[in-house]
Amino acid sequence: MKPKNSKLTQLLLLLIACNSLVGCYNKEEFKHIIQNGYDKVRANTKVKGDFCYYLGDLRFPYTDEPVKEDDTRGMIWNKEDLAKSLPLFAEIGLLSRQPVAGQSGLYHYDLTDLGREYWHQDIDNRFKRTRYYNQFCYGPIVVERVTDVTKNEYTRAQGYSYNKVNLEVDFDYHVIEVPDWVINNKEKLNSIYPQSDVMLPNESYSHTIKFYVGKDDKLYQDNLSYFQFKP
């Protein structure tokens, strides 16, 4: 769901010393671990919340670029994403939008003060050309309760670092600090980003994450990241 970044992958790997949990499945302790995991990701990445709308690979200020014959498939896909995301967030008020003089259908975009408050950029310099992945994020997760912990047996592939056990943890949560630009534009956001509905305040939601039991009987969790949706 999110462009891969080795630095971010390392950041999200949580090593949790929980020998006692493997036997008793303490739901309150799992609740604490999950909440602490989301909180740490936000602190380390500086994202505003746990739900992010991906814009594309660009640097602000940005001017529309038409698709060219020699564009790679990735460049074409990126321009297609931007053609959907940028007009939407200009309409919502997170971006400014000015027509390019003498070039019909092309626009200049930049962050507004509101947009800069919720904007997050993930810079990936692993490639020949540095990538600038941009998104607007909102809604920190607050874990309400762990509802179930299921122990599963599975076949470990050769060389795999975990044992033959994983735990699926079901939990309920709600989101806080949902801004007006999300609430007031629910239908518009859902139409461009259909993977998930807007998360609303005063609503309870459910999610499942997986813990892996290591050879040392510790629990590992590498899926606690913000949710990213693409247009």
Protein backbone atom coordinates (compact mmCIF):
# COMPACT_ATOMS: atom_id res chain seq x y z
CA MET A 1 0.00 0.00 0.00
CA LYS A 2 2.96 2.25 0.51
CA PRO A 3 6.11 2.81 -1.53
CA LYS A 4 8.80 0.69 0.09
CA ASN A 5 11.62 2.40 1.91
CA SER A 6 14.40 0.43 3.58
CA LYS A 7 14.86 3.07 6.25
CA LEU A 8 11.15 2.95 7.10
CA THR A 9 11.09 -0.84 7.08
CA GLN A 10 13.86 -0.90 9.67
CA LEU A 11 11.98 1.66 11.70
CA LEU A 12 8.77 -0.34 11.84
CA LEU A 13 10.37 -3.59 13.04
CA LEU A 14 9.38 -3.97 16.67
CA LEU A 15 11.16 -6.46 18.91
CA ILE A 16 9.07 -7.12 22.00
CA ALA A 17 10.33 -9.18 24.92
CA CYS A 18 7.09 -10.84 26.01
CA ASN A 19 7.91 -14.37 27.10
CA SER A 20 4.97 -14.47 29.50
CA LEU A 21 2.50 -13.39 26.81
CA VAL A 22 3.10 -16.39 24.58
CA GLY A 23 1.50 -18.61 27.18
CA CYS A 24 -1.24 -16.46 28.67
CA TYR A 25 -2.23 -14.10 25.81
CA ASN A 26 -2.68 -11.12 28.10
CA LYS A 27 -5.08 -8.88 26.16
CA GLU A 28 -4.28 -5.75 28.15
CA GLU A 29 -0.59 -6.19 27.45
CA PHE A 30 -1.26 -6.71 23.73
CA LYS A 31 -3.36 -3.53 23.79
CA HIS A 32 -0.41 -1.64 25.27
CA ILE A 33 2.04 -3.08 22.72
CA ILE A 34 -0.18 -2.19 19.76
CA GLN A 35 -0.87 1.34 20.97
CA ASN A 36 2.78 1.90 21.75
CA GLY A 37 3.69 0.65 18.27
CA TYR A 38 1.43 3.10 16.44
CA ASP A 39 2.58 5.94 18.71
CA LYS A 40 6.25 5.18 18.01
CA VAL A 41 5.70 5.10 14.24
CA ARG A 42 4.03 8.53 14.33
CA ALA A 43 6.79 9.92 16.51
CA ASN A 44 9.57 8.59 14.30
CA THR A 45 8.02 9.41 10.92
CA LYS A 46 6.44 12.71 12.05
CA VAL A 47 3.14 11.83 10.33
CA LYS A 48 0.08 13.71 11.58
CA GLY A 49 -2.03 10.57 11.91
CA ASP A 50 -2.38 6.92 10.98
CA PHE A 51 -4.43 7.35 7.76
CA CYS A 52 -2.67 8.86 4.77
CA TYR A 53 -3.81 9.90 1.28
CA TYR A 54 -0.97 9.39 -1.17
CA LEU A 55 -0.53 12.17 -3.74
CA GLY A 56 2.40 10.94 -5.83
CA ASP A 57 6.10 11.46 -6.42
CA LEU A 58 6.67 15.22 -6.68
CA ARG A 59 8.34 18.25 -5.12
CA PHE A 60 6.38 21.37 -4.21
CA PRO A 61 5.92 23.81 -5.82
CA TYR A 62 4.90 21.57 -8.70
CA THR A 63 3.72 22.25 -12.24
CA ASP A 64 1.66 19.73 -14.22
CA GLU A 65 3.67 17.68 -16.70
CA PRO A 66 1.89 16.09 -19.68
CA VAL A 67 2.58 12.41 -20.40
CA LYS A 68 5.43 12.09 -22.92
CA GLU A 69 6.14 9.34 -25.44
CA ASP A 70 9.43 8.41 -23.74
CA ASP A 71 7.97 8.28 -20.21
CA THR A 72 8.50 5.02 -18.35
CA ARG A 73 5.49 3.11 -17.11
CA GLY A 74 6.25 4.30 -13.57
CA MET A 75 6.35 7.93 -14.70
CA ILE A 76 3.01 7.52 -16.47
CA TRP A 77 1.39 5.93 -13.42
CA ASN A 78 2.72 8.73 -11.23
CA LYS A 79 1.31 11.43 -13.51
CA GLU A 80 -2.02 9.60 -13.53
CA ASP A 81 -2.05 9.61 -9.71
CA LEU A 82 -1.22 13.31 -9.61
CA ALA A 83 -3.96 14.12 -12.14
CA LYS A 84 -6.48 12.73 -9.62
CA SER A 85 -5.01 13.74 -6.28
CA LEU A 86 -3.82 17.31 -6.86
CA PRO A 87 -7.11 18.81 -8.15
CA LEU A 88 -8.96 17.12 -5.28
CA PHE A 89 -6.78 18.58 -2.55
CA ALA A 90 -6.76 21.97 -4.26
CA GLU A 91 -10.55 21.91 -4.10
CA ILE A 92 -10.46 20.86 -0.44
CA GLY A 93 -7.99 23.65 0.40
CA LEU A 94 -4.75 21.84 1.18
CA LEU A 95 -3.14 22.98 -2.09
CA SER A 96 -3.19 26.19 -4.12
CA ARG A 97 -3.85 25.87 -7.86
CA GLN A 98 -3.04 28.43 -10.54
CA PRO A 99 -3.33 27.95 -14.32
CA VAL A 100 -0.12 27.89 -16.36
CA ALA A 101 -0.11 30.90 -18.69
CA GLY A 102 -0.57 29.91 -22.32
CA GLN A 103 -0.93 26.17 -21.58
CA SER A 104 -4.54 25.08 -21.35
CA GLY A 105 -5.29 22.42 -18.74
CA LEU A 106 -1.97 22.73 -16.89
CA TYR A 107 -1.66 24.15 -13.36
CA HIS A 108 0.88 25.21 -10.75
CA TYR A 109 0.38 23.64 -7.28
CA ASP A 110 1.79 24.47 -3.88
CA LEU A 111 1.01 23.70 -0.25
CA THR A 112 -1.33 26.01 1.64
CA ASP A 113 -0.83 26.63 5.37
CA LEU A 114 -3.51 24.03 6.07
CA GLY A 115 -1.90 21.56 3.70
CA ARG A 116 1.53 21.99 5.23
CA GLU A 117 0.06 21.10 8.64
CA TYR A 118 -1.03 17.64 7.43
CA TRP A 119 1.60 17.02 4.75
CA HIS A 120 4.23 14.30 5.05
CA GLN A 121 7.04 13.60 2.58
CA ASP A 122 9.01 10.35 2.52
CA ILE A 123 12.29 10.83 0.63
CA ASP A 124 13.78 7.72 -0.96
CA ASN A 125 17.32 8.16 -2.34
CA ARG A 126 18.09 4.51 -3.03
CA PHE A 127 17.67 4.99 -6.78
CA LYS A 128 19.44 7.01 -9.45
CA ARG A 129 16.69 9.59 -9.19
CA THR A 130 15.55 10.55 -5.69
CA ARG A 131 11.86 9.90 -5.11
CA TYR A 132 9.66 12.27 -3.10
CA TYR A 133 6.58 10.42 -1.91
CA ASN A 134 3.94 12.87 -0.67
CA GLN A 135 0.79 12.36 1.36
CA PHE A 136 -1.71 14.06 3.64
CA CYS A 137 -2.28 12.25 6.95
CA TYR A 138 -4.86 12.51 9.72
CA GLY A 139 -6.41 10.58 12.61
CA PRO A 140 -4.17 9.00 15.28
CA ILE A 141 -5.41 5.56 16.34
CA VAL A 142 -6.54 4.97 19.93
CA VAL A 143 -6.81 1.27 20.77
CA GLU A 144 -9.94 0.57 22.81
CA ARG A 145 -9.65 -3.13 23.52
CA VAL A 146 -8.16 -6.39 22.26
CA THR A 147 -11.11 -8.66 21.48
CA ASP A 148 -9.40 -11.93 20.57
CA VAL A 149 -6.00 -13.61 20.30
CA THR A 150 -5.76 -16.64 18.00
CA LYS A 151 -2.77 -18.97 17.91
CA ASN A 152 -1.97 -20.43 14.49
CA GLU A 153 0.46 -23.13 13.41
CA TYR A 154 2.09 -22.78 10.00
CA THR A 155 4.92 -24.30 8.01
CA ARG A 156 8.13 -22.31 8.24
CA ALA A 157 10.01 -21.84 4.97
CA GLN A 158 13.67 -22.84 4.94
CA GLY A 159 15.81 -20.12 6.45
CA TYR A 160 12.81 -18.27 7.88
CA SER A 161 13.71 -16.60 11.15
CA TYR A 162 10.49 -17.30 13.04
CA ASN A 163 9.11 -20.48 14.60
CA LYS A 164 5.99 -22.30 13.41
CA VAL A 165 3.64 -20.15 15.49
CA ASN A 166 1.97 -16.82 14.93
CA LEU A 167 -0.73 -14.97 16.83
CA GLU A 168 -3.57 -13.07 15.17
CA VAL A 169 -4.71 -10.26 17.43
CA ASP A 170 -8.11 -8.64 16.85
CA PHE A 171 -8.73 -5.21 18.34
CA ASP A 172 -11.19 -2.32 18.30
CA TYR A 173 -10.07 1.30 17.95
CA HIS A 174 -11.27 4.80 17.23
CA VAL A 175 -9.51 7.81 15.73
CA ILE A 176 -9.01 11.25 17.25
CA GLU A 177 -8.22 14.73 15.95
CA VAL A 178 -10.11 14.20 12.68
CA PRO A 179 -9.93 17.59 10.91
CA ASP A 180 -12.86 19.37 9.27
CA TRP A 181 -11.32 18.98 5.80
CA VAL A 182 -11.73 15.21 6.18
CA ILE A 183 -15.23 15.24 7.69
CA ASN A 184 -16.63 17.84 5.28
CA ASN A 185 -15.23 16.12 2.18
CA LYS A 186 -15.99 12.49 3.00
CA GLU A 187 -17.71 11.69 -0.32
CA LYS A 188 -15.03 13.38 -2.44
CA LEU A 189 -12.20 11.58 -0.64
CA ASN A 190 -13.98 8.22 -0.81
CA SER A 191 -14.57 8.61 -4.55
CA ILE A 192 -10.87 9.24 -5.36
CA TYR A 193 -9.51 6.88 -2.67
CA PRO A 194 -11.92 3.90 -2.73
CA GLN A 195 -9.68 1.50 -0.74
CA SER A 196 -11.09 2.73 2.57
CA ASP A 197 -13.84 5.00 3.81
CA VAL A 198 -12.98 8.16 5.72
CA MET A 199 -12.45 7.41 9.40
CA LEU A 200 -14.93 9.44 11.45
CA PRO A 201 -14.78 10.54 15.09
CA ASN A 202 -17.07 8.84 17.61
CA GLU A 203 -17.01 5.63 15.57
CA SER A 204 -15.44 2.31 16.55
CA TYR A 205 -13.51 0.20 14.02
CA SER A 206 -11.89 -3.24 14.03
CA HIS A 207 -8.56 -4.47 12.74
CA THR A 208 -6.36 -7.59 12.94
CA ILE A 209 -2.58 -7.70 13.15
CA LYS A 210 -0.20 -10.65 13.29
CA PHE A 211 2.56 -11.31 15.80
CA TYR A 212 5.30 -13.84 15.10
CA VAL A 213 6.84 -15.99 17.81
CA GLY A 214 10.61 -16.08 17.35
CA LYS A 215 13.05 -18.86 18.11
CA ASP A 216 13.83 -17.03 21.35
CA ASP A 217 10.11 -17.11 22.32
CA LYS A 218 9.86 -13.35 21.90
CA LEU A 219 7.11 -11.70 19.88
CA TYR A 220 7.87 -9.81 16.69
CA GLN A 221 5.55 -7.39 14.91
CA ASP A 222 6.43 -5.66 11.64
CA ASN A 223 3.03 -4.42 10.39
CA LEU A 224 2.40 -1.46 12.68
CA SER A 225 2.57 1.38 10.19
CA TYR A 226 0.27 4.13 9.06
CA PHE A 227 -2.33 3.14 6.47
CA GLN A 228 -1.69 4.62 3.04
CA PHE A 229 -4.31 4.88 0.30
CA LYS A 230 -3.59 5.54 -3.37
CA PRO A 231 -5.89 7.30 -5.85
